[in-house]
């Protein structure tokens, strides 16, 4: 995963490309909740977002691909 800074908000998150091109990619945002627990928000960006009214996002948060990547990340953190 490499850091990525959103030019609009200035927020930093992390991306991991699946192939040579920029999309598709995994995208992770993290923060601490009120109890200081570290929270990760992982999703899969299948295509570049289209920021037009009425167009759905191409993010996927619950597929087998995302679940497998979450399990891979967890296995790295538990070591």
Protein backbone atom coordinates (compact mmCIF):
# COMPACT_ATOMS: atom_id res chain seq x y z
CA UNK A 1 0.00 0.00 0.00
CA UNK A 2 1.22 3.47 -0.85
CA UNK A 3 0.06 6.75 0.68
CA UNK A 4 -2.31 8.82 -1.42
CA UNK A 5 -3.36 12.38 -0.64
CA UNK A 6 -6.78 13.52 -1.80
CA UNK A 7 -6.26 16.82 -3.63
CA UNK A 8 -9.76 18.02 -2.68
CA UNK A 9 -9.83 17.29 1.05
CA UNK A 10 -6.13 16.93 1.83
CA UNK A 11 -6.85 13.63 3.64
CA UNK A 12 -4.29 10.85 3.37
CA UNK A 13 -5.34 7.29 2.67
CA UNK A 14 -3.59 4.27 1.12
CA UNK A 15 -3.98 2.49 -2.19
CA UNK A 16 -2.77 -0.77 -3.71
CA UNK A 17 -3.10 -1.23 -7.43
CA UNK A 18 -4.19 -4.60 -8.74
CA UNK A 19 -2.42 -4.27 -12.09
CA UNK A 20 -0.22 -1.79 -13.90
CA UNK A 21 -2.90 0.85 -14.41
CA UNK A 22 -4.28 3.13 -11.68
CA UNK A 23 -7.62 1.26 -11.57
CA UNK A 24 -8.70 -1.23 -10.34
CA UNK A 25 -7.24 -0.71 -6.87
CA UNK A 26 -7.79 -1.33 -3.20
CA UNK A 27 -8.29 1.81 -1.13
CA UNK A 28 -7.94 2.01 2.67
CA UNK A 29 -8.85 4.88 4.96
CA UNK A 30 -8.01 4.71 8.65
CA UNK A 31 -8.80 6.68 11.80
CA UNK A 32 -9.16 6.25 15.55
CA UNK A 33 -12.59 6.11 17.15
CA UNK A 34 -13.57 7.67 20.49
CA UNK A 35 -11.99 4.78 22.42
CA UNK A 36 -8.74 5.21 20.43
CA UNK A 37 -9.25 1.91 18.56
CA UNK A 38 -7.81 1.92 15.04
CA UNK A 39 -10.53 1.63 12.38
CA UNK A 40 -9.87 0.63 8.75
CA UNK A 41 -12.29 1.25 5.88
CA UNK A 42 -11.28 -1.00 2.97
CA UNK A 43 -12.96 -0.97 -0.41
CA UNK A 44 -12.20 -1.87 -4.01
CA UNK A 45 -12.30 0.83 -6.68
CA UNK A 46 -13.12 -1.06 -9.88
CA UNK A 47 -13.12 2.07 -12.07
CA UNK A 48 -12.43 5.75 -11.86
CA UNK A 49 -15.35 7.48 -10.10
CA UNK A 50 -17.71 9.53 -12.23
CA UNK A 51 -18.70 12.57 -10.24
CA UNK A 52 -21.97 13.27 -11.98
CA UNK A 53 -25.43 13.44 -10.48
CA UNK A 54 -27.24 10.13 -10.66
CA UNK A 55 -24.15 8.02 -11.43
CA UNK A 56 -23.41 5.28 -8.91
CA UNK A 57 -19.98 4.78 -7.46
CA UNK A 58 -17.93 1.82 -8.59
CA UNK A 59 -16.72 1.02 -5.08
CA UNK A 60 -17.14 -2.45 -3.66
CA UNK A 61 -16.95 -3.06 0.08
CA UNK A 62 -18.32 -6.57 0.60
CA UNK A 63 -17.23 -8.85 -2.26
CA UNK A 64 -15.07 -11.93 -1.89
CA UNK A 65 -12.15 -9.96 -3.35
CA UNK A 66 -12.41 -7.37 -0.57
CA UNK A 67 -12.89 -10.04 2.10
CA UNK A 68 -9.79 -11.89 0.86
CA UNK A 69 -7.74 -8.68 0.93
CA UNK A 70 -8.98 -7.88 4.44
CA UNK A 71 -7.94 -11.37 5.59
CA UNK A 72 -4.52 -10.87 3.96
CA UNK A 73 -4.03 -7.55 5.76
CA UNK A 74 -5.15 -9.04 9.08
CA UNK A 75 -2.68 -11.91 8.71
CA UNK A 76 0.13 -9.38 8.24
CA UNK A 77 -0.93 -7.37 11.32
CA UNK A 78 -1.22 -10.40 13.60
CA UNK A 79 2.33 -11.67 13.00
